[in-house]
């Protein structure tokens, strides 16, 4: 039987002081240290469990996390986690707002899409919360405003990824152009070396030819001089 939201107790409401930890140190999330390693959690994903309304879906680009294993902590993340707890940033009731179990449709749809994408081990055809009525998945926008809001969010995220793609392509094209210039420069140098070697070879041949011709001329010149000597 799959789990339901009622099966998981996130925290005791009696211990709620109206203040939550938003982030620590250099991390834009909360680092947690365990027995075998550490991991961070993002407050944006925990607001619903603290009893605050989820008005919109989190920005996927900002949901970056960190984790490490004690036996593979090559980046010394445990020390960074420990140091981060010296600087704690908190949010109080003035920043958190009024509590409510309400979940916006865009957030609910984001949870469903994320569950379908990652294949979480529970049946999707059920309510994700006791406060959300059963509905056919995926959930359509209820109003034109919600549709426009979701469309703007989708376009913004799509534009962000498109910009990153264009930057990567531009960088790749720049590197490709530099490689082509280097290849052209090396080819030019190689041709110059070949032409120089050919000129040196021609020069050596001319020198050898001139040397042989000079030897023959000297030989005949010496022979002629001997024949002109008067008899003793």
Protein backbone atom coordinates (compact mmCIF):
# COMPACT_ATOMS: atom_id res chain seq x y z
CA UNK A 1 0.00 0.00 0.00
CA UNK A 2 1.45 3.43 -0.93
CA UNK A 3 2.15 6.09 1.66
CA UNK A 4 -0.20 9.03 2.14
CA UNK A 5 0.64 12.51 3.53
CA UNK A 6 -1.05 11.55 6.82
CA UNK A 7 1.51 8.76 7.30
CA UNK A 8 4.41 11.23 7.63
CA UNK A 9 4.74 13.56 10.63
CA UNK A 10 7.12 16.36 9.65
CA UNK A 11 7.19 18.24 12.95
CA UNK A 12 5.25 18.78 16.14
CA UNK A 13 3.09 21.89 15.82
CA UNK A 14 3.26 22.35 19.61
CA UNK A 15 6.97 23.12 19.31
CA UNK A 16 6.46 25.73 16.59
CA UNK A 17 8.09 29.02 17.66
CA UNK A 18 7.10 30.88 14.48
CA UNK A 19 10.73 31.03 13.31
CA UNK A 20 12.38 28.79 10.71
CA UNK A 21 15.98 28.55 9.50
CA UNK A 22 16.22 29.81 5.95
CA UNK A 23 19.91 29.17 5.17
CA UNK A 24 23.34 28.89 6.77
CA UNK A 25 26.68 30.42 5.91
CA UNK A 26 27.67 30.20 2.27
CA UNK A 27 24.80 27.83 1.47
CA UNK A 28 21.48 29.10 0.11
CA UNK A 29 19.87 26.18 1.95
CA UNK A 30 20.15 24.39 5.30
CA UNK A 31 23.06 21.92 5.71
CA UNK A 32 22.31 18.81 7.76
CA UNK A 33 25.06 16.57 9.16
CA UNK A 34 24.35 12.88 9.65
CA UNK A 35 26.16 9.77 10.74
CA UNK A 36 27.39 8.77 7.29
CA UNK A 37 27.49 12.16 5.58
CA UNK A 38 25.58 15.36 5.02
CA UNK A 39 22.94 16.89 2.78
CA UNK A 40 21.19 20.23 2.37
CA UNK A 41 17.48 20.93 2.14
CA UNK A 42 15.82 23.93 0.58
CA UNK A 43 13.26 25.80 2.66
CA UNK A 44 11.15 26.40 -0.43
CA UNK A 45 10.41 22.68 -0.47
CA UNK A 46 9.55 22.53 3.24
CA UNK A 47 7.19 25.50 3.63
CA UNK A 48 4.12 23.32 3.10
CA UNK A 49 5.20 20.96 5.90
CA UNK A 50 5.62 23.96 8.23
CA UNK A 51 2.02 24.93 7.53
CA UNK A 52 2.59 27.90 5.24
CA UNK A 53 0.84 28.24 1.87
CA UNK A 54 2.63 27.27 -1.34
CA UNK A 55 1.48 30.06 -3.63
CA UNK A 56 3.55 29.01 -6.64
CA UNK A 57 5.94 26.34 -7.76
CA UNK A 58 9.62 26.68 -6.81
CA UNK A 59 12.09 27.79 -9.43
CA UNK A 60 13.88 24.67 -10.63
CA UNK A 61 17.05 26.67 -11.31
CA UNK A 62 17.35 27.62 -7.63
CA UNK A 63 16.79 24.14 -6.18
CA UNK A 64 20.45 23.15 -6.11
CA UNK A 65 21.60 20.90 -3.28
CA UNK A 66 24.82 19.64 -1.74
CA UNK A 67 25.68 16.29 -0.19
CA UNK A 68 28.72 14.30 0.81
CA UNK A 69 29.70 10.94 2.25
CA UNK A 70 32.17 10.77 5.12
CA UNK A 71 34.33 8.19 3.37
CA UNK A 72 34.36 10.19 0.11
CA UNK A 73 34.53 13.78 1.36
CA UNK A 74 37.25 14.91 -1.06
CA UNK A 75 36.05 18.54 -1.07
CA UNK A 76 36.02 18.74 2.76
CA UNK A 77 32.28 19.45 2.70
CA UNK A 78 31.78 18.36 6.32
CA UNK A 79 33.99 21.19 7.55
CA UNK A 80 32.06 23.64 5.35
CA UNK A 81 28.79 22.35 6.81
CA UNK A 82 30.11 22.83 10.35
CA UNK A 83 31.36 26.36 9.62
CA UNK A 84 28.05 27.28 7.95
CA UNK A 85 26.20 26.80 11.24
CA UNK A 86 28.12 29.75 12.70
CA UNK A 87 26.03 32.01 10.44
CA UNK A 88 22.33 31.16 10.59
CA UNK A 89 19.68 33.15 8.72
CA UNK A 90 16.13 32.88 10.04
CA UNK A 91 12.66 33.93 8.91
CA UNK A 92 10.03 35.02 11.41
CA UNK A 93 6.24 35.33 11.22
CA UNK A 94 6.49 38.78 9.60
CA UNK A 95 8.39 37.28 6.68
CA UNK A 96 6.64 33.92 6.56
CA UNK A 97 3.10 35.31 6.58
CA UNK A 98 -0.07 33.71 7.84
CA UNK A 99 -0.28 29.94 8.04
CA UNK A 100 -2.61 28.10 5.71
CA UNK A 101 -2.91 24.60 4.23
CA UNK A 102 -3.73 26.06 0.84
CA UNK A 103 -1.66 24.79 -2.08
CA UNK A 104 -1.71 26.75 -5.33
CA UNK A 105 -2.54 24.83 -8.48
CA UNK A 106 0.81 25.66 -10.08
CA UNK A 107 2.65 24.21 -7.06
CA UNK A 108 0.48 21.09 -7.03
CA UNK A 109 1.05 20.57 -10.74
CA UNK A 110 4.81 21.03 -10.22
CA UNK A 111 4.80 18.30 -7.54
CA UNK A 112 2.89 15.94 -9.83
CA UNK A 113 5.17 16.62 -12.81
CA UNK A 114 8.26 16.13 -10.62
CA UNK A 115 6.89 12.85 -9.26
CA UNK A 116 6.19 11.62 -12.78
CA UNK A 117 9.66 12.71 -13.93
CA UNK A 118 11.60 11.05 -11.09
CA UNK A 119 9.30 8.05 -10.76
CA UNK A 120 8.56 8.35 -7.04
CA UNK A 121 7.23 5.09 -5.57
CA UNK A 122 3.61 5.95 -4.98
CA UNK A 123 0.46 5.88 -7.06
CA UNK A 124 -0.01 9.14 -8.93
CA UNK A 125 -3.79 8.83 -9.19
CA UNK A 126 -4.41 10.04 -5.65
CA UNK A 127 -4.55 13.24 -3.62
CA UNK A 128 -1.14 14.58 -2.63
CA UNK A 129 -2.67 16.13 0.50
CA UNK A 130 -5.80 15.66 2.53
CA UNK A 131 -6.70 19.26 1.70
CA UNK A 132 -6.53 18.69 -2.08
CA UNK A 133 -9.52 16.97 -3.68
CA UNK A 134 -9.08 14.04 -6.03
CA UNK A 135 -8.70 15.11 -9.63
CA UNK A 136 -7.64 13.67 -12.94
CA UNK A 137 -3.95 14.19 -13.68
CA UNK A 138 -2.47 16.38 -14.93
CA UNK A 139 -4.36 19.26 -13.32
CA UNK A 140 -5.43 21.96 -15.79
CA UNK A 141 -5.31 25.66 -14.84
CA UNK A 142 -8.53 26.75 -13.18
CA UNK A 143 -8.54 30.34 -14.40
CA UNK A 144 -7.07 32.37 -17.20
CA UNK A 145 -4.88 34.15 -14.66
CA UNK A 146 -3.38 30.84 -13.49
CA UNK A 147 -2.84 29.82 -17.09
CA UNK A 148 -1.10 33.10 -17.88
CA UNK A 149 0.98 32.81 -14.70
CA UNK A 150 2.07 29.29 -15.58
CA UNK A 151 2.80 30.33 -19.15
CA UNK A 152 4.99 33.24 -17.95
CA UNK A 153 6.90 30.93 -15.60
CA UNK A 154 7.38 28.36 -18.33
CA UNK A 155 8.54 31.00 -20.83
CA UNK A 156 10.94 32.46 -18.28
CA UNK A 157 12.47 29.08 -17.52
CA UNK A 158 12.60 28.21 -21.22
CA UNK A 159 14.30 31.55 -22.00
CA UNK A 160 16.85 30.91 -19.24
CA UNK A 161 17.80 27.51 -20.62
CA UNK A 162 17.83 28.89 -24.17
CA UNK A 163 20.22 31.64 -23.07
CA UNK A 164 22.50 29.08 -21.42
CA UNK A 165 22.37 26.97 -24.58
CA UNK A 166 23.22 29.96 -26.79
CA UNK A 167 26.11 30.90 -24.50
CA UNK A 168 27.44 27.34 -24.67
CA UNK A 169 27.09 27.25 -28.45
CA UNK A 170 28.84 30.63 -28.79
CA UNK A 171 31.67 29.41 -26.59
CA UNK A 172 31.94 26.23 -28.64
CA UNK A 173 31.96 28.19 -31.91
CA UNK A 174 34.64 30.51 -30.54
CA UNK A 175 36.81 27.57 -29.52
CA UNK A 176 36.19 25.94 -32.91
CA UNK A 177 37.29 29.15 -34.67
CA UNK A 178 40.43 29.30 -32.56
CA UNK A 179 41.23 25.69 -33.40
CA UNK A 180 40.75 26.40 -37.12
CA UNK A 181 43.07 29.42 -36.86
CA UNK A 182 45.68 27.30 -35.10
CA UNK A 183 45.37 24.58 -37.74
CA UNK A 184 45.72 27.19 -40.50
CA UNK A 185 48.77 28.69 -38.79
CA UNK A 186 50.39 25.25 -38.37
CA UNK A 187 49.65 24.38 -42.01
CA UNK A 188 51.21 27.66 -43.13
CA UNK A 189 54.30 26.98 -41.04
CA UNK A 190 54.55 23.46 -42.43
CA UNK A 191 54.36 24.74 -46.02
CA UNK A 192 57.04 27.32 -45.26
CA UNK A 193 59.30 24.60 -43.85
CA UNK A 194 58.72 22.41 -46.92
CA UNK A 195 59.51 25.34 -49.25
CA UNK A 196 62.64 26.13 -47.23
CA UNK A 197 63.78 22.49 -47.40
CA UNK A 198 63.19 22.45 -51.16
CA UNK A 199 65.21 25.68 -51.58
CA UNK A 200 68.03 24.25 -49.49
CA UNK A 201 67.99 21.08 -51.59
CA UNK A 202 68.17 23.11 -54.82
CA UNK A 203 70.97 25.20 -53.33
CA UNK A 204 72.93 22.07 -52.37
CA UNK A 205 72.51 20.66 -55.87
CA UNK A 206 73.75 23.91 -57.44
CA UNK A 207 76.71 23.99 -55.09
CA UNK A 208 77.57 20.36 -55.92
CA UNK A 209 77.21 21.06 -59.63
CA UNK A 210 79.39 24.15 -59.41
CA UNK A 211 82.00 22.28 -57.35
CA UNK A 212 82.15 19.41 -59.89
CA UNK A 213 82.40 21.84 -62.80
CA UNK A 214 85.18 23.75 -61.07
CA UNK A 215 87.06 20.51 -60.44
CA UNK A 216 86.89 19.58 -64.13
CA UNK A 217 88.06 23.04 -65.19
CA UNK A 218 90.96 22.91 -62.76
CA UNK A 219 91.89 19.44 -64.03
CA UNK A 220 91.99 20.46 -67.68
CA UNK A 221 93.77 23.67 -66.77
CA UNK A 222 96.52 21.74 -64.99
CA UNK A 223 96.82 19.27 -67.87
CA UNK A 224 97.20 22.10 -70.42
CA UNK A 225 99.82 23.81 -68.31
CA UNK A 226 101.90 20.58 -68.17
CA UNK A 227 101.77 20.13 -71.97
CA UNK A 228 103.07 23.66 -72.59
CA UNK A 229 106.24 23.21 -70.52
CA UNK A 230 109.46 23.23 -72.72
CA UNK A 231 111.56 20.07 -72.80
CA UNK A 232 114.53 20.03 -70.48
